Amino acid sequence: MSKKPSKQESNKTIGINMNKKMADELTKRAESMHLSVSKYCKIILQQWVDSGNKLNLTEK
């Protein structure tokens, strides 16, 4: 029988630096759904991961 991981083992905090325009847009969208920015970001990132879609990154 495997032991259930503690919250400390299963969570990790990350910080993201981004331009103000993007941060303001995330804040606006989160507030429109009555969510914290953190919760909103977790939801949209989880939806993307679950979709299996790949990012195509290119240099500008």
PDB file of N, CA and C in Angstrom:
ATOM      1  N   MET A   1       0.848  -1.167   0.000  1.00  0.00           N
ATOM      2  CA  MET A   1       0.000   0.000   0.000  1.00  0.00           C
ATOM      3  C   MET A   1       0.898   1.236   0.000  1.00  0.00           C
ATOM      4  N   SER A   2       0.696   2.148  -0.961  1.00  0.00           N
ATOM      5  CA  SER A   2       1.551   3.330  -1.026  1.00  0.00           C
ATOM      6  C   SER A   2       1.012   4.422  -0.116  1.00  0.00           C
ATOM      7  N   LYS A   3       1.935   5.214   0.392  1.00  0.00           N
ATOM      8  CA  LYS A   3       1.511   6.281   1.288  1.00  0.00           C
ATOM      9  C   LYS A   3       1.124   7.500   0.454  1.00  0.00           C
ATOM     10  N   LYS A   4       0.095   8.215   0.911  1.00  0.00           N
ATOM     11  CA  LYS A   4      -0.374   9.418   0.227  1.00  0.00           C
ATOM     12  C   LYS A   4       0.654  10.529   0.438  1.00  0.00           C
ATOM     13  N   PRO A   5       1.056  11.229  -0.644  1.00  0.00           N
ATOM     14  CA  PRO A   5       2.042  12.297  -0.471  1.00  0.00           C
ATOM     15  C   PRO A   5       1.461  13.449   0.350  1.00  0.00           C
ATOM     16  N   SER A   6       2.309  14.044   1.174  1.00  0.00           N
ATOM     17  CA  SER A   6       1.863  15.193   1.953  1.00  0.00           C
ATOM     18  C   SER A   6       1.757  16.394   1.028  1.00  0.00           C
ATOM     19  N   LYS A   7       1.080  17.450   1.505  1.00  0.00           N
ATOM     20  CA  LYS A   7       0.953  18.660   0.689  1.00  0.00           C
ATOM     21  C   LYS A   7       2.328  19.209   0.323  1.00  0.00           C
ATOM     22  N   GLN A   8       3.264  19.107   1.242  1.00  0.00           N
ATOM     23  CA  GLN A   8       4.604  19.620   0.979  1.00  0.00           C
ATOM     24  C   GLN A   8       5.245  18.870  -0.184  1.00  0.00           C
ATOM     25  N   GLU A   9       4.997  17.584  -0.290  1.00  0.00           N
ATOM     26  CA  GLU A   9       5.579  16.781  -1.359  1.00  0.00           C
ATOM     27  C   GLU A   9       4.875  16.993  -2.695  1.00  0.00           C
ATOM     28  N   SER A  10       3.584  17.357  -2.672  1.00  0.00           N
ATOM     29  CA  SER A  10       2.829  17.418  -3.908  1.00  0.00           C
ATOM     30  C   SER A  10       2.626  18.824  -4.462  1.00  0.00           C
ATOM     31  N   ASN A  11       3.055  19.846  -3.766  1.00  0.00           N
ATOM     32  CA  ASN A  11       2.910  21.222  -4.240  1.00  0.00           C
ATOM     33  C   ASN A  11       4.267  21.899  -4.340  1.00  0.00           C
ATOM     34  N   LYS A  12       4.366  22.810  -5.281  1.00  0.00           N
ATOM     35  CA  LYS A  12       5.579  23.605  -5.428  1.00  0.00           C
ATOM     36  C   LYS A  12       5.162  25.001  -5.866  1.00  0.00           C
ATOM     37  N   THR A  13       5.729  26.005  -5.244  1.00  0.00           N
ATOM     38  CA  THR A  13       5.435  27.387  -5.592  1.00  0.00           C
ATOM     39  C   THR A  13       6.446  27.869  -6.615  1.00  0.00           C
ATOM     40  N   ILE A  14       5.934  28.512  -7.670  1.00  0.00           N
ATOM     41  CA  ILE A  14       6.821  29.098  -8.670  1.00  0.00           C
ATOM     42  C   ILE A  14       6.479  30.575  -8.822  1.00  0.00           C
ATOM     43  N   GLY A  15       7.432  31.355  -9.230  1.00  0.00           N
ATOM     44  CA  GLY A  15       7.214  32.768  -9.516  1.00  0.00           C
ATOM     45  C   GLY A  15       7.451  33.014 -10.993  1.00  0.00           C
ATOM     46  N   ILE A  16       6.658  33.889 -11.567  1.00  0.00           N
ATOM     47  CA  ILE A  16       6.780  34.176 -12.994  1.00  0.00           C
ATOM     48  C   ILE A  16       6.886  35.682 -13.181  1.00  0.00           C
ATOM     49  N   ASN A  17       7.930  36.120 -13.842  1.00  0.00           N
ATOM     50  CA  ASN A  17       8.050  37.525 -14.214  1.00  0.00           C
ATOM     51  C   ASN A  17       7.477  37.689 -15.610  1.00  0.00           C
ATOM     52  N   MET A  18       6.609  38.694 -15.784  1.00  0.00           N
ATOM     53  CA  MET A  18       6.012  38.958 -17.095  1.00  0.00           C
ATOM     54  C   MET A  18       5.766  40.447 -17.218  1.00  0.00           C
ATOM     55  N   ASN A  19       5.492  40.871 -18.452  1.00  0.00           N
ATOM     56  CA  ASN A  19       5.262  42.299 -18.632  1.00  0.00           C
ATOM     57  C   ASN A  19       3.932  42.698 -17.992  1.00  0.00           C
ATOM     58  N   LYS A  20       3.816  43.975 -17.665  1.00  0.00           N
ATOM     59  CA  LYS A  20       2.652  44.483 -16.947  1.00  0.00           C
ATOM     60  C   LYS A  20       1.367  44.278 -17.728  1.00  0.00           C
ATOM     61  N   LYS A  21       1.414  44.438 -19.036  1.00  0.00           N
ATOM     62  CA  LYS A  21       0.210  44.285 -19.857  1.00  0.00           C
ATOM     63  C   LYS A  21      -0.370  42.874 -19.709  1.00  0.00           C
ATOM     64  N   MET A  22       0.491  41.864 -19.745  1.00  0.00           N
ATOM     65  CA  MET A  22       0.025  40.487 -19.604  1.00  0.00           C
ATOM     66  C   MET A  22      -0.495  40.237 -18.189  1.00  0.00           C
ATOM     67  N   ALA A  23       0.217  40.724 -17.191  1.00  0.00           N
ATOM     68  CA  ALA A  23      -0.211  40.537 -15.802  1.00  0.00           C
ATOM     69  C   ALA A  23      -1.561  41.208 -15.561  1.00  0.00           C
ATOM     70  N   ASP A  24      -1.747  42.398 -16.123  1.00  0.00           N
ATOM     71  CA  ASP A  24      -3.025  43.102 -15.979  1.00  0.00           C
ATOM     72  C   ASP A  24      -4.157  42.327 -16.650  1.00  0.00           C
ATOM     73  N   GLU A  25      -3.888  41.731 -17.801  1.00  0.00           N
ATOM     74  CA  GLU A  25      -4.903  40.942 -18.508  1.00  0.00           C
ATOM     75  C   GLU A  25      -5.286  39.706 -17.695  1.00  0.00           C
ATOM     76  N   LEU A  26      -4.304  39.024 -17.121  1.00  0.00           N
ATOM     77  CA  LEU A  26      -4.598  37.865 -16.274  1.00  0.00           C
ATOM     78  C   LEU A  26      -5.428  38.278 -15.057  1.00  0.00           C
ATOM     79  N   THR A  27      -5.080  39.405 -14.467  1.00  0.00           N
ATOM     80  CA  THR A  27      -5.822  39.915 -13.313  1.00  0.00           C
ATOM     81  C   THR A  27      -7.260  40.228 -13.697  1.00  0.00           C
ATOM     82  N   LYS A  28      -7.450  40.901 -14.830  1.00  0.00           N
ATOM     83  CA  LYS A  28      -8.792  41.260 -15.296  1.00  0.00           C
ATOM     84  C   LYS A  28      -9.642  40.012 -15.530  1.00  0.00           C
ATOM     85  N   ARG A  29      -9.064  39.018 -16.183  1.00  0.00           N
ATOM     86  CA  ARG A  29      -9.812  37.788 -16.473  1.00  0.00           C
ATOM     87  C   ARG A  29     -10.142  37.019 -15.199  1.00  0.00           C
ATOM     88  N   ALA A  30      -9.181  36.952 -14.286  1.00  0.00           N
ATOM     89  CA  ALA A  30      -9.418  36.251 -13.019  1.00  0.00           C
ATOM     90  C   ALA A  30     -10.522  36.941 -12.221  1.00  0.00           C
ATOM     91  N   GLU A  31     -10.449  38.261 -12.135  1.00  0.00           N
ATOM     92  CA  GLU A  31     -11.452  39.005 -11.373  1.00  0.00           C
ATOM     93  C   GLU A  31     -12.840  38.852 -11.978  1.00  0.00           C
ATOM     94  N   SER A  32     -12.926  38.760 -13.309  1.00  0.00           N
ATOM     95  CA  SER A  32     -14.236  38.614 -13.954  1.00  0.00           C
ATOM     96  C   SER A  32     -14.890  37.283 -13.597  1.00  0.00           C
ATOM     97  N   MET A  33     -14.074  36.322 -13.176  1.00  0.00           N
ATOM     98  CA  MET A  33     -14.591  35.005 -12.781  1.00  0.00           C
ATOM     99  C   MET A  33     -14.585  34.841 -11.260  1.00  0.00           C
ATOM    100  N   HIS A  34     -14.279  35.929 -10.547  1.00  0.00           N
ATOM    101  CA  HIS A  34     -14.214  35.929  -9.083  1.00  0.00           C
ATOM    102  C   HIS A  34     -13.214  34.891  -8.570  1.00  0.00           C
ATOM    103  N   LEU A  35     -12.061  34.827  -9.245  1.00  0.00           N
ATOM    104  CA  LEU A  35     -10.978  33.923  -8.861  1.00  0.00           C
ATOM    105  C   LEU A  35      -9.737  34.734  -8.546  1.00  0.00           C
ATOM    106  N   SER A  36      -8.843  34.155  -7.756  1.00  0.00           N
ATOM    107  CA  SER A  36      -7.534  34.772  -7.578  1.00  0.00           C
ATOM    108  C   SER A  36      -6.744  34.556  -8.866  1.00  0.00           C
ATOM    109  N   VAL A  37      -5.760  35.386  -9.096  1.00  0.00           N
ATOM    110  CA  VAL A  37      -4.925  35.222 -10.286  1.00  0.00           C
ATOM    111  C   VAL A  37      -4.227  33.869 -10.238  1.00  0.00           C
ATOM    112  N   SER A  38      -3.782  33.467  -9.062  1.00  0.00           N
ATOM    113  CA  SER A  38      -3.117  32.176  -8.905  1.00  0.00           C
ATOM    114  C   SER A  38      -4.038  31.033  -9.323  1.00  0.00           C
ATOM    115  N   LYS A  39      -5.268  31.043  -8.829  1.00  0.00           N
ATOM    116  CA  LYS A  39      -6.222  29.974  -9.157  1.00  0.00           C
ATOM    117  C   LYS A  39      -6.545  29.992 -10.651  1.00  0.00           C
ATOM    118  N   TYR A  40      -6.740  31.178 -11.221  1.00  0.00           N
ATOM    119  CA  TYR A  40      -7.036  31.298 -12.650  1.00  0.00           C
ATOM    120  C   TYR A  40      -5.893  30.714 -13.481  1.00  0.00           C
ATOM    121  N   CYS A  41      -4.660  31.061 -13.131  1.00  0.00           N
ATOM    122  CA  CYS A  41      -3.501  30.541 -13.864  1.00  0.00           C
ATOM    123  C   CYS A  41      -3.413  29.025 -13.745  1.00  0.00           C
ATOM    124  N   LYS A  42      -3.670  28.487 -12.553  1.00  0.00           N
ATOM    125  CA  LYS A  42      -3.648  27.030 -12.384  1.00  0.00           C
ATOM    126  C   LYS A  42      -4.687  26.363 -13.279  1.00  0.00           C
ATOM    127  N   ILE A  43      -5.876  26.957 -13.367  1.00  0.00           N
ATOM    128  CA  ILE A  43      -6.944  26.378 -14.186  1.00  0.00           C
ATOM    129  C   ILE A  43      -6.563  26.384 -15.658  1.00  0.00           C
ATOM    130  N   ILE A  44      -6.105  27.534 -16.171  1.00  0.00           N
ATOM    131  CA  ILE A  44      -5.814  27.590 -17.610  1.00  0.00           C
ATOM    132  C   ILE A  44      -4.585  26.759 -17.965  1.00  0.00           C
ATOM    133  N   LEU A  45      -3.603  26.708 -17.083  1.00  0.00           N
ATOM    134  CA  LEU A  45      -2.437  25.866 -17.351  1.00  0.00           C
ATOM    135  C   LEU A  45      -2.805  24.388 -17.311  1.00  0.00           C
ATOM    136  N   GLN A  46      -3.660  23.986 -16.371  1.00  0.00           N
ATOM    137  CA  GLN A  46      -4.081  22.586 -16.298  1.00  0.00           C
ATOM    138  C   GLN A  46      -4.879  22.197 -17.538  1.00  0.00           C
ATOM    139  N   GLN A  47      -5.742  23.107 -18.022  1.00  0.00           N
ATOM    140  CA  GLN A  47      -6.511  22.826 -19.242  1.00  0.00           C
ATOM    141  C   GLN A  47      -5.569  22.627 -20.426  1.00  0.00           C
ATOM    142  N   TRP A  48      -4.529  23.451 -20.514  1.00  0.00           N
ATOM    143  CA  TRP A  48      -3.575  23.315 -21.611  1.00  0.00           C
ATOM    144  C   TRP A  48      -2.819  21.989 -21.502  1.00  0.00           C
ATOM    145  N   VAL A  49      -2.326  21.665 -20.309  1.00  0.00           N
ATOM    146  CA  VAL A  49      -1.596  20.409 -20.114  1.00  0.00           C
ATOM    147  C   VAL A  49      -2.498  19.221 -20.458  1.00  0.00           C
ATOM    148  N   ASP A  50      -3.731  19.248 -19.984  1.00  0.00           N
ATOM    149  CA  ASP A  50      -4.672  18.155 -20.242  1.00  0.00           C
ATOM    150  C   ASP A  50      -5.005  18.014 -21.726  1.00  0.00           C
ATOM    151  N   SER A  51      -4.925  19.117 -22.471  1.00  0.00           N
ATOM    152  CA  SER A  51      -5.272  19.080 -23.897  1.00  0.00           C
ATOM    153  C   SER A  51      -4.252  18.294 -24.718  1.00  0.00           C
ATOM    154  N   GLY A  52      -3.025  18.209 -24.214  1.00  0.00           N
ATOM    155  CA  GLY A  52      -1.977  17.511 -24.949  1.00  0.00           C
ATOM    156  C   GLY A  52      -1.386  18.327 -26.085  1.00  0.00           C
ATOM    157  N   ASN A  53      -1.863  19.569 -26.262  1.00  0.00           N
ATOM    158  CA  ASN A  53      -1.326  20.424 -27.324  1.00  0.00           C
ATOM    159  C   ASN A  53       0.112  20.822 -27.013  1.00  0.00           C
ATOM    160  N   LYS A  54       0.909  20.938 -28.054  1.00  0.00           N
ATOM    161  CA  LYS A  54       2.306  21.347 -27.909  1.00  0.00           C
ATOM    162  C   LYS A  54       2.436  22.832 -28.228  1.00  0.00           C
ATOM    163  N   LEU A  55       3.367  23.497 -27.571  1.00  0.00           N
ATOM    164  CA  LEU A  55       3.671  24.890 -27.888  1.00  0.00           C
ATOM    165  C   LEU A  55       4.694  24.929 -29.001  1.00  0.00           C
ATOM    166  N   ASN A  56       4.513  25.828 -29.924  1.00  0.00           N
ATOM    167  CA  ASN A  56       5.505  26.055 -30.970  1.00  0.00           C
ATOM    168  C   ASN A  56       6.187  27.378 -30.668  1.00  0.00           C
ATOM    169  N   LEU A  57       7.372  27.306 -30.082  1.00  0.00           N
ATOM    170  CA  LEU A  57       8.099  28.510 -29.701  1.00  0.00           C
ATOM    171  C   LEU A  57       9.050  28.916 -30.816  1.00  0.00           C
ATOM    172  N   THR A  58       9.027  30.191 -31.145  1.00  0.00           N
ATOM    173  CA  THR A  58       9.943  30.725 -32.150  1.00  0.00           C
ATOM    174  C   THR A  58      10.521  32.030 -31.627  1.00  0.00           C
ATOM    175  N   GLU A  59      11.691  32.364 -32.116  1.00  0.00           N
ATOM    176  CA  GLU A  59      12.303  33.635 -31.732  1.00  0.00           C
ATOM    177  C   GLU A  59      11.649  34.756 -32.502  1.00  0.00           C
ATOM    178  N   LYS A  60      11.547  35.904 -31.850  1.00  0.00           N
ATOM    179  CA  LYS A  60      11.014  37.094 -32.528  1.00  0.00           C
ATOM    180  C   LYS A  60      12.150  37.940 -33.019  1.00  0.00           C
TER     181      LYS A  60
END
